[in-house]
Amino acid sequence: MPLKLGITYQEVVESFNAGLVTLCAIGLRALLEGICVDRGITDEVAWGLGEKIDKLGACGYVSSQLATNLKSFKFIGDSAAHRLEVPEPEDLKLALEVIEELLTFFYSLDWKAQCLLERIQER
């Protein structure tokens, strides 16, 4: 995982654990945007986070249905950042679980599968 994403993830978890729900929501949105950028979906490719999420689906990184559902991160983060709406802790808990699954999928699943394959091939 890129260092910036790892640091941001750690800060999001710490903000959640400390009950800093507004900051956590903004951080979750930032993490998703960071994943898009790491996949090459930058401002030159798509302008807003909604478009970047659509591109994640269009490029085959995630299913189109998952891309549609990931837009909840945009809404939670935007509401917290622009309207200072306090998100529900249970919503953030679920969002944190989703982002952890995405981080696993994009940054550690292939590595773990490769390690398994190498172990098996060594025998």
Protein backbone atom coordinates (compact mmCIF):
# COMPACT_ATOMS: atom_id res chain seq x y z
CA MET A 1 0.00 0.00 0.00
CA PRO A 2 1.35 3.46 -0.76
CA LEU A 3 2.68 5.20 2.33
CA LYS A 4 0.24 8.12 2.06
CA LEU A 5 -2.73 5.77 2.03
CA GLY A 6 -1.35 3.81 4.97
CA ILE A 7 -0.88 6.95 7.03
CA THR A 8 -4.34 8.23 6.14
CA TYR A 9 -5.88 4.86 7.00
CA GLN A 10 -4.17 4.92 10.40
CA GLU A 11 -5.46 8.45 11.05
CA VAL A 12 -9.00 7.43 10.04
CA VAL A 13 -8.95 4.49 12.45
CA GLU A 14 -7.57 6.66 15.24
CA SER A 15 -10.22 9.33 14.63
CA PHE A 16 -12.96 6.67 14.68
CA ASN A 17 -11.64 5.15 17.91
CA ALA A 18 -11.46 8.61 19.49
CA GLY A 19 -15.04 9.42 18.50
CA LEU A 20 -14.00 12.14 16.06
CA VAL A 21 -16.75 11.22 13.64
CA THR A 22 -16.64 14.29 11.38
CA LEU A 23 -12.91 13.90 10.80
CA CYS A 24 -13.33 10.16 10.31
CA ALA A 25 -15.97 10.72 7.60
CA ILE A 26 -13.75 13.20 5.76
CA GLY A 27 -10.81 10.82 6.05
CA LEU A 28 -12.80 7.89 4.65
CA ARG A 29 -13.70 10.01 1.63
CA ALA A 30 -10.04 10.97 1.23
CA LEU A 31 -8.98 7.32 1.40
CA LEU A 32 -11.34 6.37 -1.41
CA GLU A 33 -10.09 9.26 -3.52
CA GLY A 34 -6.52 8.16 -2.79
CA ILE A 35 -7.30 4.64 -4.00
CA CYS A 36 -8.72 6.08 -7.22
CA VAL A 37 -5.64 8.22 -7.78
CA ASP A 38 -3.35 5.26 -7.07
CA ARG A 39 -5.23 3.32 -9.76
CA GLY A 40 -4.47 6.12 -12.24
CA ILE A 41 -7.85 7.83 -12.00
CA THR A 42 -6.60 11.36 -11.42
CA ASP A 43 -8.13 14.79 -11.98
CA GLU A 44 -6.96 14.55 -15.60
CA VAL A 45 -9.10 11.43 -16.11
CA ALA A 46 -12.15 12.31 -14.04
CA TRP A 47 -12.83 15.50 -12.16
CA GLY A 48 -14.90 14.77 -9.05
CA LEU A 49 -14.93 11.81 -6.70
CA GLY A 50 -18.23 10.61 -8.15
CA GLU A 51 -16.69 10.43 -11.61
CA LYS A 52 -13.57 8.76 -10.24
CA ILE A 53 -15.69 6.10 -8.57
CA ASP A 54 -17.54 5.58 -11.86
CA LYS A 55 -14.18 5.12 -13.58
CA LEU A 56 -13.18 2.47 -11.00
CA GLY A 57 -16.16 0.50 -12.26
CA ALA A 58 -15.71 1.36 -15.93
CA CYS A 59 -12.03 0.33 -15.85
CA GLY A 60 -12.94 -2.99 -14.25
CA TYR A 61 -11.26 -2.38 -10.90
CA VAL A 62 -14.61 -2.99 -9.17
CA SER A 63 -18.04 -4.03 -10.37
CA SER A 64 -20.38 -1.30 -11.57
CA GLN A 65 -22.72 -2.15 -8.67
CA LEU A 66 -19.92 -1.73 -6.14
CA ALA A 67 -18.93 1.55 -7.79
CA THR A 68 -22.49 2.82 -7.39
CA ASN A 69 -22.53 1.78 -3.74
CA LEU A 70 -19.13 3.36 -3.05
CA LYS A 71 -20.66 6.77 -3.76
CA SER A 72 -21.95 6.65 -0.18
CA PHE A 73 -18.38 7.64 0.82
CA LYS A 74 -18.71 10.79 -1.23
CA PHE A 75 -22.02 11.69 0.38
CA ILE A 76 -20.86 10.97 3.94
CA GLY A 77 -17.61 12.91 3.47
CA ASP A 78 -19.22 15.82 1.65
CA SER A 79 -21.96 16.18 4.28
CA ALA A 80 -19.37 16.20 7.05
CA ALA A 81 -16.98 18.60 5.29
CA HIS A 82 -19.38 21.05 3.67
CA ARG A 83 -22.41 21.04 5.95
CA LEU A 84 -20.79 19.92 9.22
CA GLU A 85 -23.36 17.16 9.50
CA VAL A 86 -22.38 14.64 12.14
CA PRO A 87 -22.42 11.12 10.70
CA GLU A 88 -23.83 8.20 12.63
CA PRO A 89 -21.09 6.12 14.30
CA GLU A 90 -22.67 2.90 12.97
CA ASP A 91 -22.52 4.30 9.41
CA LEU A 92 -18.84 5.08 9.91
CA LYS A 93 -18.16 1.64 11.34
CA LEU A 94 -19.67 0.04 8.25
CA ALA A 95 -17.82 2.45 5.95
CA LEU A 96 -14.56 1.62 7.73
CA GLU A 97 -15.19 -2.08 7.18
CA VAL A 98 -15.83 -1.43 3.47
CA ILE A 99 -12.66 0.64 3.05
CA GLU A 100 -10.64 -2.05 4.84
CA GLU A 101 -11.97 -4.64 2.39
CA LEU A 102 -11.02 -2.37 -0.53
CA LEU A 103 -7.54 -1.85 0.85
CA THR A 104 -7.15 -5.61 1.27
CA PHE A 105 -8.40 -6.22 -2.26
CA PHE A 106 -6.17 -3.61 -3.90
CA TYR A 107 -3.03 -3.92 -1.81
CA SER A 108 -2.67 -7.22 -0.02
CA LEU A 109 -4.86 -9.90 -1.57
CA ASP A 110 -2.64 -10.41 -4.62
CA TRP A 111 0.49 -10.38 -2.43
CA LYS A 112 -0.99 -13.03 -0.11
CA ALA A 113 -2.04 -15.19 -3.06
CA GLN A 114 1.45 -14.85 -4.56
CA CYS A 115 3.02 -15.91 -1.25
CA LEU A 116 0.78 -18.97 -1.16
CA LEU A 117 1.64 -19.88 -4.74
CA GLU A 118 5.37 -19.55 -4.06
CA ARG A 119 5.09 -21.73 -0.95
CA ILE A 120 3.27 -24.41 -2.89
CA GLN A 121 5.71 -24.25 -5.81
CA GLU A 122 8.65 -24.67 -3.44
CA ARG A 123 7.38 -28.10 -2.35
